[in-house]
Amino acid sequence: MENESVDTVVSMNGFHTFLDKQKAFHEIWRVLKPGGDFIACFYIRGKLKRTDWLVKNILAKKGCFSPPFQTEKELRDILQKLYKETDIHVDGSMVYFRCVK
């Protein structure tokens, strides 16, 4: 895909499956046009012990989830460095956000 060629990228409950999340974050930023939206939701680590246990001991071992998993702070740091606007909400172990390039 060409640089700055996409208006919107949507990832709903899929980002936690990416093996190289840093590369995915940068690739999404690369293809978004200025003013483009990145809208997503996915699992974040450190909010609910039972969910963290399930992800680590069952879902990751089955290949449904791929570590590493960000905490809320780690994710905020990544997104705020890349995007001029971030709107981030957390509900339990799920993060929901919209970022504008």
N, C-alpha and C. Protein backbone atom coordinates (compact mmCIF):
# COMPACT_ATOMS: atom_id res chain seq x y z
N MET A 1 0.82 -1.17 0.00
CA MET A 1 0.00 0.00 0.00
C MET A 1 0.88 1.25 0.00
N GLU A 2 0.41 2.26 -0.68
CA GLU A 2 1.18 3.51 -0.75
C GLU A 2 1.08 4.29 0.55
N ASN A 3 2.08 5.12 0.79
CA ASN A 3 2.04 6.02 1.94
C ASN A 3 0.83 6.94 1.84
N GLU A 4 0.23 7.23 2.97
CA GLU A 4 -0.86 8.20 3.08
C GLU A 4 -1.94 7.98 2.02
N SER A 5 -2.41 6.73 1.90
CA SER A 5 -3.38 6.38 0.86
C SER A 5 -4.74 5.96 1.40
N VAL A 6 -4.90 5.91 2.72
CA VAL A 6 -6.12 5.37 3.33
C VAL A 6 -6.74 6.42 4.25
N ASP A 7 -8.07 6.55 4.17
CA ASP A 7 -8.78 7.50 5.03
C ASP A 7 -9.00 6.96 6.44
N THR A 8 -9.30 5.66 6.56
CA THR A 8 -9.64 5.07 7.85
C THR A 8 -9.11 3.64 7.94
N VAL A 9 -8.56 3.30 9.09
CA VAL A 9 -8.19 1.91 9.40
C VAL A 9 -9.00 1.50 10.62
N VAL A 10 -9.68 0.35 10.51
CA VAL A 10 -10.48 -0.18 11.61
C VAL A 10 -9.96 -1.57 11.98
N SER A 11 -9.73 -1.77 13.26
CA SER A 11 -9.31 -3.08 13.77
C SER A 11 -10.13 -3.38 15.01
N MET A 12 -11.08 -4.27 14.87
CA MET A 12 -11.97 -4.60 15.99
C MET A 12 -11.61 -5.99 16.53
N ASN A 13 -11.09 -6.02 17.74
CA ASN A 13 -10.73 -7.27 18.41
C ASN A 13 -9.78 -8.13 17.60
N GLY A 14 -8.82 -7.51 16.92
CA GLY A 14 -7.88 -8.27 16.13
C GLY A 14 -6.43 -7.95 16.42
N PHE A 15 -6.15 -6.78 16.96
CA PHE A 15 -4.78 -6.33 17.14
C PHE A 15 -3.98 -7.26 18.04
N HIS A 16 -4.63 -7.86 19.01
CA HIS A 16 -3.93 -8.76 19.94
C HIS A 16 -3.43 -10.04 19.26
N THR A 17 -3.81 -10.27 18.01
CA THR A 17 -3.32 -11.45 17.29
C THR A 17 -2.04 -11.16 16.51
N PHE A 18 -1.70 -9.89 16.31
CA PHE A 18 -0.51 -9.52 15.52
C PHE A 18 0.76 -9.91 16.27
N LEU A 19 1.68 -10.53 15.56
CA LEU A 19 2.95 -10.93 16.17
C LEU A 19 3.84 -9.73 16.45
N ASP A 20 3.91 -8.79 15.51
CA ASP A 20 4.76 -7.60 15.66
C ASP A 20 3.87 -6.37 15.75
N LYS A 21 3.41 -6.09 16.94
CA LYS A 21 2.47 -4.99 17.15
C LYS A 21 3.10 -3.64 16.85
N GLN A 22 4.37 -3.45 17.20
CA GLN A 22 5.04 -2.17 16.90
C GLN A 22 5.03 -1.91 15.40
N LYS A 23 5.36 -2.92 14.63
CA LYS A 23 5.36 -2.78 13.17
C LYS A 23 3.95 -2.46 12.68
N ALA A 24 2.95 -3.10 13.25
CA ALA A 24 1.56 -2.85 12.85
C ALA A 24 1.15 -1.42 13.15
N PHE A 25 1.50 -0.92 14.35
CA PHE A 25 1.19 0.48 14.68
C PHE A 25 1.81 1.43 13.67
N HIS A 26 3.06 1.20 13.31
CA HIS A 26 3.75 2.09 12.38
C HIS A 26 3.23 1.94 10.95
N GLU A 27 2.87 0.74 10.57
CA GLU A 27 2.32 0.52 9.22
C GLU A 27 0.97 1.22 9.08
N ILE A 28 0.14 1.13 10.09
CA ILE A 28 -1.16 1.83 10.06
C ILE A 28 -0.93 3.33 9.93
N TRP A 29 -0.02 3.87 10.71
CA TRP A 29 0.28 5.30 10.64
C TRP A 29 0.79 5.67 9.25
N ARG A 30 1.64 4.84 8.68
CA ARG A 30 2.23 5.11 7.36
C ARG A 30 1.17 5.22 6.28
N VAL A 31 0.19 4.32 6.27
CA VAL A 31 -0.79 4.31 5.18
C VAL A 31 -1.93 5.31 5.37
N LEU A 32 -2.11 5.81 6.59
CA LEU A 32 -3.19 6.78 6.83
C LEU A 32 -2.86 8.14 6.22
N LYS A 33 -3.86 8.73 5.59
CA LYS A 33 -3.73 10.10 5.10
C LYS A 33 -3.68 11.05 6.29
N PRO A 34 -3.10 12.24 6.12
CA PRO A 34 -3.20 13.25 7.17
C PRO A 34 -4.68 13.51 7.48
N GLY A 35 -5.02 13.52 8.74
CA GLY A 35 -6.42 13.67 9.14
C GLY A 35 -7.19 12.36 9.16
N GLY A 36 -6.52 11.26 8.76
CA GLY A 36 -7.17 9.95 8.73
C GLY A 36 -7.37 9.37 10.12
N ASP A 37 -8.34 8.47 10.23
CA ASP A 37 -8.72 7.86 11.51
C ASP A 37 -8.19 6.44 11.65
N PHE A 38 -7.71 6.13 12.84
CA PHE A 38 -7.40 4.76 13.25
C PHE A 38 -8.36 4.46 14.39
N ILE A 39 -9.26 3.51 14.16
CA ILE A 39 -10.30 3.15 15.12
C ILE A 39 -10.11 1.69 15.48
N ALA A 40 -10.03 1.40 16.79
CA ALA A 40 -9.76 0.01 17.17
C ALA A 40 -10.23 -0.29 18.58
N CYS A 41 -10.32 -1.58 18.85
CA CYS A 41 -10.52 -2.07 20.21
C CYS A 41 -9.79 -3.41 20.31
N PHE A 42 -9.23 -3.66 21.48
CA PHE A 42 -8.57 -4.93 21.73
C PHE A 42 -8.23 -5.08 23.21
N TYR A 43 -7.74 -6.25 23.56
CA TYR A 43 -7.34 -6.59 24.93
C TYR A 43 -6.11 -5.79 25.35
N ILE A 44 -6.12 -5.32 26.61
CA ILE A 44 -4.93 -4.76 27.22
C ILE A 44 -4.67 -5.48 28.54
N ARG A 45 -3.39 -5.58 28.85
CA ARG A 45 -2.92 -6.31 30.03
C ARG A 45 -3.00 -5.43 31.28
N GLY A 46 -3.25 -6.09 32.42
CA GLY A 46 -3.11 -5.41 33.69
C GLY A 46 -4.37 -4.82 34.29
N LYS A 47 -5.52 -5.07 33.70
CA LYS A 47 -6.76 -4.50 34.22
C LYS A 47 -7.58 -5.50 35.04
N LEU A 48 -7.65 -6.74 34.59
CA LEU A 48 -8.40 -7.78 35.31
C LEU A 48 -7.53 -9.03 35.40
N LYS A 49 -7.23 -9.46 36.61
CA LYS A 49 -6.35 -10.62 36.81
C LYS A 49 -6.87 -11.87 36.12
N ARG A 50 -8.18 -12.10 36.19
CA ARG A 50 -8.72 -13.33 35.59
C ARG A 50 -8.59 -13.29 34.07
N THR A 51 -8.76 -12.13 33.47
CA THR A 51 -8.60 -12.02 32.01
C THR A 51 -7.14 -12.21 31.63
N ASP A 52 -6.24 -11.58 32.39
CA ASP A 52 -4.81 -11.76 32.13
C ASP A 52 -4.42 -13.23 32.23
N TRP A 53 -4.95 -13.93 33.22
CA TRP A 53 -4.66 -15.35 33.39
C TRP A 53 -5.18 -16.14 32.19
N LEU A 54 -6.40 -15.88 31.78
CA LEU A 54 -7.00 -16.57 30.64
C LEU A 54 -6.19 -16.35 29.37
N VAL A 55 -5.80 -15.12 29.12
CA VAL A 55 -5.02 -14.81 27.92
C VAL A 55 -3.67 -15.52 27.97
N LYS A 56 -2.96 -15.41 29.09
CA LYS A 56 -1.62 -15.99 29.20
C LYS A 56 -1.63 -17.51 29.17
N ASN A 57 -2.54 -18.13 29.92
CA ASN A 57 -2.49 -19.57 30.13
C ASN A 57 -3.32 -20.39 29.15
N ILE A 58 -4.24 -19.77 28.46
CA ILE A 58 -5.07 -20.53 27.52
C ILE A 58 -5.03 -19.94 26.12
N LEU A 59 -5.46 -18.70 25.97
CA LEU A 59 -5.61 -18.12 24.63
C LEU A 59 -4.28 -17.95 23.90
N ALA A 60 -3.24 -17.50 24.59
CA ALA A 60 -1.93 -17.36 23.94
C ALA A 60 -1.35 -18.72 23.59
N LYS A 61 -1.53 -19.70 24.47
CA LYS A 61 -1.00 -21.04 24.21
C LYS A 61 -1.71 -21.72 23.04
N LYS A 62 -2.97 -21.38 22.82
CA LYS A 62 -3.72 -21.93 21.69
C LYS A 62 -3.45 -21.16 20.40
N GLY A 63 -2.73 -20.04 20.50
CA GLY A 63 -2.42 -19.24 19.32
C GLY A 63 -3.49 -18.22 18.97
N CYS A 64 -4.48 -18.07 19.83
CA CYS A 64 -5.55 -17.09 19.59
C CYS A 64 -5.08 -15.66 19.86
N PHE A 65 -4.15 -15.49 20.77
CA PHE A 65 -3.58 -14.20 21.14
C PHE A 65 -2.07 -14.31 21.01
N SER A 66 -1.40 -13.21 20.65
CA SER A 66 0.05 -13.22 20.48
C SER A 66 0.69 -12.14 21.34
N PRO A 67 1.54 -12.53 22.28
CA PRO A 67 2.24 -11.52 23.07
C PRO A 67 3.26 -10.77 22.20
N PRO A 68 3.74 -9.64 22.64
CA PRO A 68 3.48 -9.00 23.92
C PRO A 68 2.17 -8.22 23.90
N PHE A 69 1.62 -8.02 25.08
CA PHE A 69 0.37 -7.27 25.24
C PHE A 69 0.67 -5.98 25.99
N GLN A 70 0.13 -4.88 25.49
CA GLN A 70 0.37 -3.58 26.11
C GLN A 70 -0.51 -3.38 27.34
N THR A 71 0.01 -2.60 28.26
CA THR A 71 -0.80 -2.06 29.35
C THR A 71 -1.47 -0.79 28.81
N GLU A 72 -2.40 -0.25 29.58
CA GLU A 72 -3.04 1.00 29.16
C GLU A 72 -2.00 2.11 28.97
N LYS A 73 -1.08 2.24 29.91
CA LYS A 73 -0.06 3.29 29.82
C LYS A 73 0.83 3.10 28.60
N GLU A 74 1.27 1.88 28.36
CA GLU A 74 2.12 1.62 27.19
C GLU A 74 1.40 1.98 25.90
N LEU A 75 0.13 1.60 25.81
CA LEU A 75 -0.64 1.91 24.61
C LEU A 75 -0.83 3.41 24.45
N ARG A 76 -1.18 4.09 25.53
CA ARG A 76 -1.33 5.56 25.46
C ARG A 76 -0.04 6.22 24.97
N ASP A 77 1.09 5.78 25.49
CA ASP A 77 2.38 6.34 25.07
C ASP A 77 2.61 6.14 23.58
N ILE A 78 2.33 4.95 23.08
CA ILE A 78 2.52 4.65 21.65
C ILE A 78 1.62 5.55 20.81
N LEU A 79 0.34 5.57 21.13
CA LEU A 79 -0.62 6.31 20.31
C LEU A 79 -0.39 7.82 20.38
N GLN A 80 -0.06 8.34 21.55
CA GLN A 80 0.14 9.78 21.69
C GLN A 80 1.40 10.26 20.99
N LYS A 81 2.37 9.38 20.80
CA LYS A 81 3.58 9.74 20.04
C LYS A 81 3.30 9.77 18.54
N LEU A 82 2.39 8.92 18.08
CA LEU A 82 2.12 8.81 16.64
C LEU A 82 1.05 9.76 16.13
N TYR A 83 0.04 10.05 16.94
CA TYR A 83 -1.16 10.74 16.44
C TYR A 83 -1.34 12.11 17.08
N LYS A 84 -1.93 13.03 16.30
CA LYS A 84 -2.14 14.38 16.83
C LYS A 84 -3.34 14.43 17.76
N GLU A 85 -4.30 13.51 17.59
CA GLU A 85 -5.46 13.43 18.48
C GLU A 85 -5.66 11.98 18.89
N THR A 86 -5.93 11.76 20.18
CA THR A 86 -6.27 10.42 20.65
C THR A 86 -7.46 10.50 21.59
N ASP A 87 -8.39 9.59 21.42
CA ASP A 87 -9.56 9.47 22.29
C ASP A 87 -9.60 8.01 22.73
N ILE A 88 -9.17 7.75 23.95
CA ILE A 88 -8.95 6.39 24.43
C ILE A 88 -9.85 6.11 25.63
N HIS A 89 -10.55 4.98 25.58
CA HIS A 89 -11.44 4.57 26.67
C HIS A 89 -11.13 3.12 27.04
N VAL A 90 -11.20 2.84 28.33
CA VAL A 90 -10.94 1.48 28.83
C VAL A 90 -12.17 0.99 29.57
N ASP A 91 -12.55 -0.25 29.28
CA ASP A 91 -13.65 -0.91 29.98
C ASP A 91 -13.17 -2.31 30.33
N GLY A 92 -12.82 -2.52 31.59
CA GLY A 92 -12.26 -3.81 31.98
C GLY A 92 -10.93 -4.03 31.28
N SER A 93 -10.80 -5.15 30.59
CA SER A 93 -9.57 -5.47 29.88
C SER A 93 -9.60 -5.07 28.42
N MET A 94 -10.59 -4.28 28.04
CA MET A 94 -10.71 -3.84 26.65
C MET A 94 -10.43 -2.35 26.54
N VAL A 95 -9.70 -1.99 25.51
CA VAL A 95 -9.47 -0.58 25.19
C VAL A 95 -10.19 -0.28 23.88
N TYR A 96 -10.79 0.88 23.82
CA TYR A 96 -11.49 1.36 22.63
C TYR A 96 -10.90 2.72 22.31
N PHE A 97 -10.53 2.96 21.06
CA PHE A 97 -9.95 4.27 20.77
C PHE A 97 -10.18 4.71 19.32
N ARG A 98 -10.04 6.02 19.17
CA ARG A 98 -10.02 6.66 17.86
C ARG A 98 -8.85 7.64 17.89
N CYS A 99 -7.99 7.52 16.89
CA CYS A 99 -6.84 8.41 16.77
C CYS A 99 -6.91 9.09 15.41
N VAL A 100 -6.46 10.33 15.36
CA VAL A 100 -6.43 11.10 14.12
C VAL A 100 -4.98 11.44 13.82
N LYS A 101 -4.57 11.12 12.59
CA LYS A 101 -3.19 11.40 12.17
C LYS A 101 -3.02 12.88 11.89
